[in-house]
Amino acid sequence: MAIHNPGSRAGHGIALKAIRDVVTHGGGKGIFATLNVVPMIDMFAILVVFLIQQFNTSGELMLINPNVAMPKATAMKELERAPMVALTRGEGGKAGALLFENEMVMSIADINEVKFPSWDIKPLGEVLKRAWKLQQTSSDKKLRSSRKIIIQADRSVPFQVIKMVMATCGRNEYREPNFAIMVGKDVETK
C-alpha cells in the first residue's frame, strides 16, 4: 500500500470532478438552484390575460394596399378569407394596377371595352383559372366549394373597370364578390 500525505480523504472515491470539488472544498456555488414557483405562476397568469386581450377572432384577412383608398360605408358584414383582387390608384400620372393576391396582373389603363368587348379580361381570367384549380386541390371541402372573392378597389377607379373585373371573376368560377370597405361612423352589422 502506498504512503499518502495526511489530510482529508472526503470525496476521494467520487468520480465527477465538480461533485468532488463541492464535497472537498465545501461552499462555493451550489449545484441545485431554487425556483420561486409563485412569482412564475403570477407572470404566466399576466401573460395569459394579455394574450387573450390581444387575440382577434376574425384574424387578419387581407393586407390593405397603400395605393387603395377604399370607399367608406356604414353597413358591413364580416369578410371571410377569400382570394383578393385589388384595383389601385395611379401615382404621378401613371395608371393604377390590377393585382391578384398582391401580384401585378396588368395596368388599369389597359382595361376598357375596346380591348375587351366581351368584358372578359383575359390576363385576370388566366390567373383566376389557376387559382381555382389550386383551390380545388385543397383538403377542406368548404374551401373547395367557396366561390367568394374580395374586391378591393380605390375610390378613383372607374366603375366600368370594376364591372369588367366582376364579370371576369364571375366567368371564372368566382361568383360571390365581396367588397373591402372602410367602416364609417354609424355602423350596421349584419
Protein backbone atom coordinates (compact mmCIF):
# COMPACT_ATOMS: atom_id res chain seq x y z
CA MET A 1 0.00 0.00 0.00
CA ALA A 2 1.26 3.42 -0.90
CA ILE A 3 2.09 6.09 1.63
CA HIS A 4 -0.09 9.19 1.44
CA ASN A 5 0.23 12.63 2.92
CA PRO A 6 -2.05 13.08 5.87
CA GLY A 7 -5.14 15.13 5.16
CA SER A 8 -8.79 14.92 4.39
CA ARG A 9 -9.94 11.91 2.48
CA ALA A 10 -13.51 13.13 1.94
CA GLY A 11 -14.63 12.85 -1.64
CA HIS A 12 -11.71 10.65 -2.63
CA GLY A 13 -13.87 7.94 -4.15
CA ILE A 14 -16.14 10.35 -6.09
CA ALA A 15 -15.51 10.26 -9.82
CA LEU A 16 -17.10 13.50 -11.02
CA LYS A 17 -14.74 16.41 -10.54
CA ALA A 18 -17.48 19.02 -9.95
CA ILE A 19 -19.11 17.00 -7.17
CA ARG A 20 -15.75 16.08 -5.66
CA ASP A 21 -14.77 19.78 -5.53
CA VAL A 22 -18.03 20.68 -3.75
CA VAL A 23 -17.63 17.89 -1.24
CA THR A 24 -13.95 18.53 -0.53
CA HIS A 25 -13.88 22.34 -0.65
CA GLY A 26 -17.41 22.93 0.56
CA GLY A 27 -19.22 26.21 -0.13
CA GLY A 28 -18.82 27.83 -3.49
CA LYS A 29 -21.72 27.73 -5.86
CA GLY A 30 -24.32 25.14 -5.13
CA ILE A 31 -25.29 22.51 -7.69
CA PHE A 32 -29.01 22.91 -7.20
CA ALA A 33 -30.87 26.20 -7.67
CA THR A 34 -34.18 27.02 -6.10
CA LEU A 35 -37.09 28.16 -8.23
CA ASN A 36 -39.73 30.53 -6.94
CA VAL A 37 -42.91 28.97 -8.33
CA VAL A 38 -45.45 31.53 -7.07
CA PRO A 39 -43.95 34.55 -8.92
CA MET A 40 -43.60 32.40 -12.05
CA ILE A 41 -47.30 31.44 -11.93
CA ASP A 42 -48.22 35.12 -11.46
CA MET A 43 -46.15 36.06 -14.51
CA PHE A 44 -47.80 33.36 -16.64
CA ALA A 45 -51.26 34.48 -15.50
CA ILE A 46 -50.47 38.06 -16.56
CA LEU A 47 -49.21 36.79 -19.95
CA VAL A 48 -52.38 34.75 -20.50
CA VAL A 49 -54.60 37.76 -19.73
CA PHE A 50 -52.52 39.94 -22.07
CA LEU A 51 -52.70 37.42 -24.92
CA ILE A 52 -56.46 36.98 -24.51
CA GLN A 53 -56.95 40.75 -24.76
CA GLN A 54 -54.81 40.93 -27.88
CA PHE A 55 -56.47 37.98 -29.59
CA ASN A 56 -58.54 38.86 -32.65
CA THR A 57 -61.18 36.26 -33.53
CA SER A 58 -61.58 37.38 -37.14
CA GLY A 59 -57.86 37.31 -37.87
CA GLU A 60 -56.07 39.35 -40.48
CA LEU A 61 -57.85 38.57 -43.74
CA MET A 62 -56.03 40.81 -46.11
CA LEU A 63 -53.23 43.24 -46.47
CA ILE A 64 -54.51 46.72 -47.25
CA ASN A 65 -52.63 48.07 -50.23
CA PRO A 66 -51.31 51.59 -49.53
CA ASN A 67 -52.35 52.68 -53.04
CA VAL A 68 -56.00 51.88 -52.39
CA ALA A 69 -58.23 54.47 -50.73
CA MET A 70 -61.24 52.26 -50.08
CA PRO A 71 -64.74 53.71 -50.05
CA LYS A 72 -66.47 54.26 -46.73
CA ALA A 73 -69.72 52.53 -45.87
CA THR A 74 -72.00 52.30 -42.86
CA ALA A 75 -73.45 48.82 -43.44
CA MET A 76 -70.99 45.98 -43.15
CA LYS A 77 -70.63 42.25 -42.82
CA GLU A 78 -67.52 40.46 -41.58
CA LEU A 79 -65.41 39.17 -44.50
CA GLU A 80 -64.27 35.58 -44.74
CA ARG A 81 -60.87 34.68 -46.16
CA ALA A 82 -61.01 34.52 -49.96
CA PRO A 83 -58.78 35.35 -52.93
CA MET A 84 -58.34 39.10 -53.36
CA VAL A 85 -58.34 41.33 -56.43
CA ALA A 86 -57.06 44.88 -55.86
CA LEU A 87 -57.52 47.89 -58.13
CA THR A 88 -55.02 50.59 -57.14
CA ARG A 89 -54.86 54.28 -58.00
CA GLY A 90 -52.11 55.66 -60.13
CA GLU A 91 -49.43 57.97 -58.85
CA GLY A 92 -47.56 60.71 -60.66
CA GLY A 93 -49.58 60.49 -63.87
CA LYS A 94 -49.21 56.70 -64.08
CA ALA A 95 -52.25 54.46 -64.28
CA GLY A 96 -53.18 52.20 -61.39
CA ALA A 97 -52.68 48.45 -61.36
CA LEU A 98 -54.84 45.33 -61.25
CA LEU A 99 -53.41 42.98 -58.62
CA PHE A 100 -54.36 39.43 -57.67
CA GLU A 101 -53.16 38.46 -54.19
CA ASN A 102 -50.79 41.49 -54.33
CA GLU A 103 -49.18 40.25 -57.57
CA MET A 104 -49.31 42.57 -60.57
CA VAL A 105 -51.59 41.31 -63.34
CA MET A 106 -51.88 44.36 -65.60
CA SER A 107 -52.35 48.12 -65.74
CA ILE A 108 -55.82 49.58 -65.26
CA ALA A 109 -55.20 51.79 -68.30
CA ASP A 110 -55.36 48.62 -70.45
CA ILE A 111 -58.83 47.69 -69.17
CA ASN A 112 -61.53 49.08 -71.45
CA GLU A 113 -64.36 47.88 -73.68
CA VAL A 114 -62.32 48.38 -76.84
CA LYS A 115 -59.68 45.81 -75.80
CA PHE A 116 -62.13 43.51 -74.00
CA PRO A 117 -65.54 43.90 -75.72
CA SER A 118 -66.92 40.76 -74.03
CA TRP A 119 -65.95 42.15 -70.58
CA ASP A 120 -63.64 39.16 -70.08
CA ILE A 121 -60.22 40.46 -69.02
CA LYS A 122 -58.04 37.63 -70.31
CA PRO A 123 -54.90 38.15 -68.13
CA LEU A 124 -57.06 38.25 -64.99
CA GLY A 125 -59.09 35.26 -66.24
CA GLU A 126 -55.94 33.15 -66.63
CA VAL A 127 -54.81 34.00 -63.09
CA LEU A 128 -58.28 33.21 -61.71
CA LYS A 129 -58.37 29.84 -63.51
CA ARG A 130 -55.01 28.87 -61.99
CA ALA A 131 -56.21 29.97 -58.53
CA TRP A 132 -59.43 27.97 -58.93
CA LYS A 133 -57.51 24.81 -59.91
CA LEU A 134 -55.22 25.27 -56.91
CA GLN A 135 -58.24 25.83 -54.66
CA GLN A 136 -59.77 22.55 -55.86
CA THR A 137 -56.73 20.60 -54.61
CA SER A 138 -57.43 21.67 -51.01
CA SER A 139 -58.46 19.04 -48.48
CA ASP A 140 -61.02 21.46 -46.99
CA LYS A 141 -64.43 20.79 -48.57
CA LYS A 142 -65.75 24.24 -47.62
CA LEU A 143 -62.78 25.95 -49.32
CA ARG A 144 -63.20 23.83 -52.47
CA SER A 145 -66.84 24.85 -52.84
CA SER A 146 -66.32 28.54 -51.96
CA ARG A 147 -66.89 30.92 -54.87
CA LYS A 148 -66.15 34.07 -52.87
CA ILE A 149 -63.68 36.71 -53.95
CA ILE A 150 -62.76 40.00 -52.29
CA ILE A 151 -62.52 43.08 -54.49
CA GLN A 152 -60.51 45.94 -53.02
CA ALA A 153 -60.94 48.99 -55.27
CA ASP A 154 -59.69 52.53 -54.92
CA ARG A 155 -62.34 55.27 -54.94
CA SER A 156 -60.85 56.79 -58.10
CA VAL A 157 -61.14 53.60 -60.21
CA PRO A 158 -63.92 53.98 -62.82
CA PHE A 159 -67.00 51.87 -62.15
CA GLN A 160 -66.77 50.48 -65.70
CA VAL A 161 -63.45 48.83 -64.77
CA ILE A 162 -64.93 47.40 -61.57
CA LYS A 163 -67.88 45.95 -63.53
CA MET A 164 -65.48 44.31 -66.00
CA VAL A 165 -63.45 42.81 -63.13
CA MET A 166 -66.66 41.46 -61.54
CA ALA A 167 -67.76 39.96 -64.88
CA THR A 168 -64.36 38.30 -65.36
CA CYS A 169 -64.48 36.87 -61.83
CA GLY A 170 -67.97 35.51 -62.43
CA ARG A 171 -66.92 33.80 -65.68
CA ASN A 172 -64.03 32.13 -63.89
CA GLU A 173 -65.89 30.38 -61.03
CA TYR A 174 -65.78 33.27 -58.51
CA ARG A 175 -69.44 34.30 -58.49
CA GLU A 176 -69.77 35.79 -54.99
CA PRO A 177 -67.88 39.13 -54.93
CA ASN A 178 -67.35 40.94 -51.63
CA PHE A 179 -66.06 44.49 -51.49
CA ALA A 180 -63.49 45.61 -48.96
CA ILE A 181 -64.53 48.92 -47.41
CA MET A 182 -63.53 51.30 -44.65
CA VAL A 183 -66.13 51.32 -41.90
CA GLY A 184 -67.84 54.68 -41.40
CA LYS A 185 -69.27 56.18 -38.19
CA ASP A 186 -72.77 54.72 -37.93
CA VAL A 187 -72.03 51.05 -38.47
CA GLU A 188 -74.75 48.50 -39.10
CA THR A 189 -73.64 44.87 -38.83
CA LYS A 190 -75.50 42.06 -40.48
